[in-house]
Amino acid sequence: MDTTAWIVTLIGLAAMAWVVWYFWLSEPKRQPATQPEKTAMKTQETFQIEGMSCQHCVHAVTSALKKLPGVEVQSVEIGRATVAYDPAQVSRDQLKAAIEAEGYTVVS
């Protein structure tokens, strides 16, 4: 076999290996059926935040909010954070305090 045939063969084998991996091996494993979890009533809140200017600020606010129990961080961007939280586990004041502990000011 000449060099061109070897290259074509190797490319074909690589393509077949990728197809097998993509469609068979990377398929998510199916989870057994379980009873649905009881979910608590969540409250959604958007905070307007002053003092954020970069992605480090976004990460700091995200990390601070994720540490609180019952909080689901929906989005954090420069100047704003939206969370869903369980009022039975954490209060709005606690959320505000966590943001302000990172050095930012919650405006609303």
N, C-alpha and C. Protein backbone atom coordinates (compact mmCIF):
# COMPACT_ATOMS: atom_id res chain seq x y z
N MET A 1 0.84 -1.18 0.00
CA MET A 1 0.00 0.00 0.00
C MET A 1 0.88 1.24 0.00
N ASP A 2 0.48 2.20 -0.76
CA ASP A 2 1.25 3.44 -0.78
C ASP A 2 0.81 4.37 0.36
N THR A 3 1.51 5.47 0.53
CA THR A 3 1.27 6.40 1.64
C THR A 3 -0.14 6.99 1.62
N THR A 4 -0.64 7.33 0.46
CA THR A 4 -1.97 7.93 0.34
C THR A 4 -3.05 6.96 0.83
N ALA A 5 -2.92 5.69 0.48
CA ALA A 5 -3.89 4.68 0.91
C ALA A 5 -3.87 4.53 2.42
N TRP A 6 -2.69 4.56 3.02
CA TRP A 6 -2.59 4.46 4.48
C TRP A 6 -3.26 5.65 5.16
N ILE A 7 -3.03 6.82 4.62
CA ILE A 7 -3.62 8.03 5.21
C ILE A 7 -5.15 7.97 5.11
N VAL A 8 -5.66 7.58 3.94
CA VAL A 8 -7.11 7.47 3.76
C VAL A 8 -7.69 6.43 4.71
N THR A 9 -7.00 5.31 4.88
CA THR A 9 -7.45 4.26 5.80
C THR A 9 -7.48 4.76 7.24
N LEU A 10 -6.44 5.45 7.67
CA LEU A 10 -6.39 5.97 9.03
C LEU A 10 -7.48 7.01 9.27
N ILE A 11 -7.72 7.87 8.31
CA ILE A 11 -8.78 8.87 8.44
C ILE A 11 -10.14 8.19 8.55
N GLY A 12 -10.35 7.16 7.74
CA GLY A 12 -11.61 6.41 7.80
C GLY A 12 -11.81 5.73 9.14
N LEU A 13 -10.74 5.12 9.67
CA LEU A 13 -10.84 4.47 10.99
C LEU A 13 -11.10 5.50 12.09
N ALA A 14 -10.46 6.65 12.01
CA ALA A 14 -10.67 7.70 13.01
C ALA A 14 -12.11 8.20 12.94
N ALA A 15 -12.64 8.36 11.74
CA ALA A 15 -14.02 8.82 11.60
C ALA A 15 -14.99 7.79 12.17
N MET A 16 -14.74 6.51 11.91
CA MET A 16 -15.62 5.47 12.45
C MET A 16 -15.55 5.42 13.97
N ALA A 17 -14.34 5.58 14.52
CA ALA A 17 -14.19 5.58 15.97
C ALA A 17 -14.94 6.74 16.60
N TRP A 18 -14.88 7.91 15.96
CA TRP A 18 -15.59 9.07 16.48
C TRP A 18 -17.10 8.83 16.45
N VAL A 19 -17.62 8.26 15.36
CA VAL A 19 -19.06 7.99 15.26
C VAL A 19 -19.49 7.03 16.35
N VAL A 20 -18.72 5.98 16.60
CA VAL A 20 -19.06 5.02 17.66
C VAL A 20 -19.05 5.72 19.00
N TRP A 21 -18.02 6.52 19.27
CA TRP A 21 -17.96 7.21 20.55
C TRP A 21 -19.12 8.18 20.70
N TYR A 22 -19.39 8.98 19.70
CA TYR A 22 -20.41 10.02 19.79
C TYR A 22 -21.81 9.45 19.99
N PHE A 23 -22.16 8.42 19.21
CA PHE A 23 -23.53 7.92 19.25
C PHE A 23 -23.74 6.78 20.23
N TRP A 24 -22.68 6.15 20.68
CA TRP A 24 -22.89 5.00 21.55
C TRP A 24 -22.29 5.22 22.93
N LEU A 25 -21.04 5.57 23.00
CA LEU A 25 -20.38 5.69 24.30
C LEU A 25 -20.73 6.97 25.04
N SER A 26 -21.00 8.05 24.33
CA SER A 26 -21.29 9.30 25.02
C SER A 26 -22.76 9.46 25.36
N GLU A 27 -23.57 8.46 25.05
CA GLU A 27 -25.00 8.54 25.36
C GLU A 27 -25.19 8.53 26.86
N PRO A 28 -25.97 9.46 27.40
CA PRO A 28 -26.14 9.50 28.85
C PRO A 28 -26.81 8.22 29.35
N LYS A 29 -26.36 7.80 30.50
CA LYS A 29 -26.93 6.60 31.12
C LYS A 29 -28.33 6.91 31.64
N ARG A 30 -29.23 6.01 31.41
CA ARG A 30 -30.60 6.20 31.88
C ARG A 30 -30.68 5.88 33.36
N GLN A 31 -31.34 6.75 34.08
CA GLN A 31 -31.51 6.57 35.52
C GLN A 31 -32.78 5.76 35.78
N PRO A 32 -32.75 4.91 36.78
CA PRO A 32 -33.97 4.18 37.11
C PRO A 32 -35.05 5.13 37.58
N ALA A 33 -36.28 4.75 37.33
CA ALA A 33 -37.41 5.59 37.73
C ALA A 33 -37.46 5.69 39.25
N THR A 34 -37.62 6.90 39.73
CA THR A 34 -37.74 7.13 41.16
C THR A 34 -38.97 7.97 41.42
N GLN A 35 -39.33 8.03 42.68
CA GLN A 35 -40.47 8.86 43.04
C GLN A 35 -40.06 10.32 42.90
N PRO A 36 -40.95 11.16 42.43
CA PRO A 36 -40.61 12.58 42.32
C PRO A 36 -40.33 13.19 43.69
N GLU A 37 -39.34 14.07 43.73
CA GLU A 37 -39.00 14.74 44.98
C GLU A 37 -40.03 15.81 45.29
N LYS A 38 -40.27 16.00 46.57
CA LYS A 38 -41.12 17.11 46.97
C LYS A 38 -40.27 18.37 46.91
N THR A 39 -40.75 19.35 46.20
CA THR A 39 -40.00 20.59 46.09
C THR A 39 -40.70 21.67 46.91
N ALA A 40 -39.89 22.45 47.58
CA ALA A 40 -40.44 23.53 48.39
C ALA A 40 -40.83 24.69 47.48
N MET A 41 -41.72 25.50 47.95
CA MET A 41 -42.12 26.68 47.20
C MET A 41 -40.94 27.65 47.18
N LYS A 42 -40.53 28.07 46.00
CA LYS A 42 -39.39 28.97 45.88
C LYS A 42 -39.86 30.36 45.48
N THR A 43 -39.12 31.35 45.94
CA THR A 43 -39.38 32.73 45.62
C THR A 43 -38.26 33.21 44.71
N GLN A 44 -38.61 33.90 43.64
CA GLN A 44 -37.58 34.43 42.74
C GLN A 44 -37.35 35.89 43.09
N GLU A 45 -36.09 36.28 43.09
CA GLU A 45 -35.71 37.65 43.45
C GLU A 45 -34.57 38.09 42.54
N THR A 46 -34.66 39.33 42.06
CA THR A 46 -33.57 39.92 41.29
C THR A 46 -33.01 41.09 42.08
N PHE A 47 -31.71 41.06 42.32
CA PHE A 47 -31.04 42.12 43.06
C PHE A 47 -30.27 43.01 42.08
N GLN A 48 -30.41 44.32 42.24
CA GLN A 48 -29.59 45.28 41.51
C GLN A 48 -28.38 45.56 42.39
N ILE A 49 -27.19 45.41 41.83
CA ILE A 49 -25.97 45.48 42.62
C ILE A 49 -25.03 46.53 42.05
N GLU A 50 -24.52 47.39 42.93
CA GLU A 50 -23.53 48.39 42.53
C GLU A 50 -22.14 47.93 42.94
N GLY A 51 -21.15 48.30 42.16
CA GLY A 51 -19.76 47.99 42.50
C GLY A 51 -19.19 46.82 41.71
N MET A 52 -20.00 46.11 40.94
CA MET A 52 -19.51 45.01 40.14
C MET A 52 -18.98 45.57 38.82
N SER A 53 -17.78 45.11 38.41
CA SER A 53 -17.20 45.66 37.18
C SER A 53 -16.54 44.62 36.28
N CYS A 54 -16.47 43.36 36.73
CA CYS A 54 -15.75 42.36 35.93
C CYS A 54 -16.27 40.96 36.24
N GLN A 55 -15.71 39.97 35.55
CA GLN A 55 -16.14 38.59 35.76
C GLN A 55 -15.70 38.06 37.13
N HIS A 56 -14.65 38.61 37.70
CA HIS A 56 -14.28 38.23 39.07
C HIS A 56 -15.40 38.60 40.03
N CYS A 57 -15.99 39.77 39.83
CA CYS A 57 -17.11 40.20 40.67
C CYS A 57 -18.29 39.25 40.51
N VAL A 58 -18.57 38.86 39.28
CA VAL A 58 -19.66 37.92 39.00
C VAL A 58 -19.42 36.61 39.73
N HIS A 59 -18.19 36.11 39.65
CA HIS A 59 -17.85 34.85 40.31
C HIS A 59 -17.96 34.97 41.84
N ALA A 60 -17.52 36.09 42.38
CA ALA A 60 -17.58 36.30 43.84
C ALA A 60 -19.02 36.29 44.33
N VAL A 61 -19.91 36.98 43.63
CA VAL A 61 -21.33 37.02 44.02
C VAL A 61 -21.97 35.64 43.85
N THR A 62 -21.67 34.98 42.74
CA THR A 62 -22.22 33.64 42.49
C THR A 62 -21.81 32.69 43.60
N SER A 63 -20.54 32.68 43.95
CA SER A 63 -20.03 31.78 45.00
C SER A 63 -20.68 32.08 46.35
N ALA A 64 -20.81 33.36 46.67
CA ALA A 64 -21.40 33.73 47.96
C ALA A 64 -22.85 33.27 48.05
N LEU A 65 -23.61 33.42 46.96
CA LEU A 65 -25.02 33.02 46.98
C LEU A 65 -25.17 31.50 47.00
N LYS A 66 -24.30 30.78 46.30
CA LYS A 66 -24.39 29.32 46.27
C LYS A 66 -24.11 28.67 47.62
N LYS A 67 -23.40 29.38 48.49
CA LYS A 67 -23.09 28.84 49.81
C LYS A 67 -24.30 28.81 50.74
N LEU A 68 -25.32 29.58 50.41
CA LEU A 68 -26.49 29.67 51.28
C LEU A 68 -27.43 28.49 51.02
N PRO A 69 -28.04 27.95 52.08
CA PRO A 69 -28.96 26.83 51.91
C PRO A 69 -30.26 27.26 51.24
N GLY A 70 -30.77 26.40 50.37
CA GLY A 70 -32.06 26.67 49.73
C GLY A 70 -32.02 27.68 48.61
N VAL A 71 -30.80 28.02 48.12
CA VAL A 71 -30.67 29.03 47.08
C VAL A 71 -30.28 28.36 45.76
N GLU A 72 -30.99 28.74 44.71
CA GLU A 72 -30.65 28.32 43.35
C GLU A 72 -30.30 29.58 42.57
N VAL A 73 -29.04 29.72 42.23
CA VAL A 73 -28.58 30.90 41.49
C VAL A 73 -29.00 30.72 40.03
N GLN A 74 -29.85 31.60 39.55
CA GLN A 74 -30.32 31.50 38.17
C GLN A 74 -29.43 32.23 37.20
N SER A 75 -29.01 33.44 37.55
CA SER A 75 -28.06 34.17 36.70
C SER A 75 -27.42 35.28 37.52
N VAL A 76 -26.16 35.52 37.20
CA VAL A 76 -25.43 36.64 37.79
C VAL A 76 -24.67 37.30 36.65
N GLU A 77 -24.86 38.59 36.53
CA GLU A 77 -24.13 39.38 35.54
C GLU A 77 -23.74 40.68 36.21
N ILE A 78 -22.91 41.44 35.56
CA ILE A 78 -22.43 42.69 36.15
C ILE A 78 -23.63 43.59 36.46
N GLY A 79 -23.82 43.87 37.75
CA GLY A 79 -24.89 44.76 38.18
C GLY A 79 -26.20 44.09 38.54
N ARG A 80 -26.28 42.75 38.42
CA ARG A 80 -27.58 42.10 38.68
C ARG A 80 -27.37 40.63 39.03
N ALA A 81 -28.19 40.14 39.95
CA ALA A 81 -28.20 38.72 40.29
C ALA A 81 -29.66 38.28 40.47
N THR A 82 -29.99 37.15 39.86
CA THR A 82 -31.34 36.58 39.98
C THR A 82 -31.21 35.22 40.63
N VAL A 83 -31.98 35.02 41.70
CA VAL A 83 -31.95 33.75 42.42
C VAL A 83 -33.38 33.28 42.70
N ALA A 84 -33.51 31.98 42.88
CA ALA A 84 -34.74 31.39 43.40
C ALA A 84 -34.35 30.80 44.75
N TYR A 85 -35.13 31.08 45.78
CA TYR A 85 -34.75 30.60 47.10
C TYR A 85 -35.98 30.15 47.88
N ASP A 86 -35.71 29.30 48.85
CA ASP A 86 -36.75 28.79 49.73
C ASP A 86 -36.80 29.70 50.97
N PRO A 87 -37.87 30.47 51.13
CA PRO A 87 -37.95 31.39 52.28
C PRO A 87 -37.92 30.69 53.63
N ALA A 88 -38.20 29.40 53.65
CA ALA A 88 -38.13 28.66 54.91
C ALA A 88 -36.68 28.40 55.32
N GLN A 89 -35.75 28.47 54.38
CA GLN A 89 -34.35 28.18 54.68
C GLN A 89 -33.46 29.42 54.73
N VAL A 90 -33.83 30.44 53.95
CA VAL A 90 -33.00 31.64 53.89
C VAL A 90 -33.90 32.84 53.61
N SER A 91 -33.52 33.98 54.17
CA SER A 91 -34.33 35.19 53.97
C SER A 91 -33.69 36.11 52.94
N ARG A 92 -34.47 37.08 52.49
CA ARG A 92 -33.95 38.07 51.54
C ARG A 92 -32.81 38.85 52.17
N ASP A 93 -32.93 39.14 53.46
CA ASP A 93 -31.87 39.87 54.15
C ASP A 93 -30.57 39.08 54.19
N GLN A 94 -30.66 37.76 54.33
CA GLN A 94 -29.46 36.92 54.31
C GLN A 94 -28.81 36.92 52.93
N LEU A 95 -29.64 36.90 51.88
CA LEU A 95 -29.11 36.98 50.51
C LEU A 95 -28.38 38.30 50.31
N LYS A 96 -29.04 39.38 50.74
CA LYS A 96 -28.45 40.71 50.62
C LYS A 96 -27.14 40.80 51.41
N ALA A 97 -27.14 40.25 52.60
CA ALA A 97 -25.93 40.29 53.44
C ALA A 97 -24.78 39.50 52.80
N ALA A 98 -25.08 38.38 52.15
CA ALA A 98 -24.04 37.59 51.49
C ALA A 98 -23.40 38.38 50.35
N ILE A 99 -24.21 39.10 49.60
CA ILE A 99 -23.69 39.92 48.50
C ILE A 99 -22.85 41.06 49.05
N GLU A 100 -23.36 41.72 50.08
CA GLU A 100 -22.66 42.86 50.66
C GLU A 100 -21.39 42.45 51.38
N ALA A 101 -21.33 41.21 51.88
CA ALA A 101 -20.12 40.70 52.51
C ALA A 101 -18.96 40.58 51.51
N GLU A 102 -19.30 40.48 50.24
CA GLU A 102 -18.28 40.41 49.19
C GLU A 102 -17.79 41.80 48.78
N GLY A 103 -18.42 42.85 49.34
CA GLY A 103 -17.94 44.20 49.09
C GLY A 103 -18.77 45.00 48.10
N TYR A 104 -19.97 44.51 47.76
CA TYR A 104 -20.84 45.19 46.81
C TYR A 104 -22.05 45.77 47.54
N THR A 105 -22.76 46.68 46.89
CA THR A 105 -23.92 47.33 47.47
C THR A 105 -25.17 46.88 46.74
N VAL A 106 -26.13 46.33 47.51
CA VAL A 106 -27.41 45.94 46.93
C VAL A 106 -28.31 47.17 46.93
N VAL A 107 -28.74 47.58 45.74
CA VAL A 107 -29.55 48.79 45.60
C VAL A 107 -31.02 48.44 45.76
N SER A 108 -31.44 47.36 45.17
CA SER A 108 -32.86 46.95 45.29
C SER A 108 -32.97 45.45 45.25
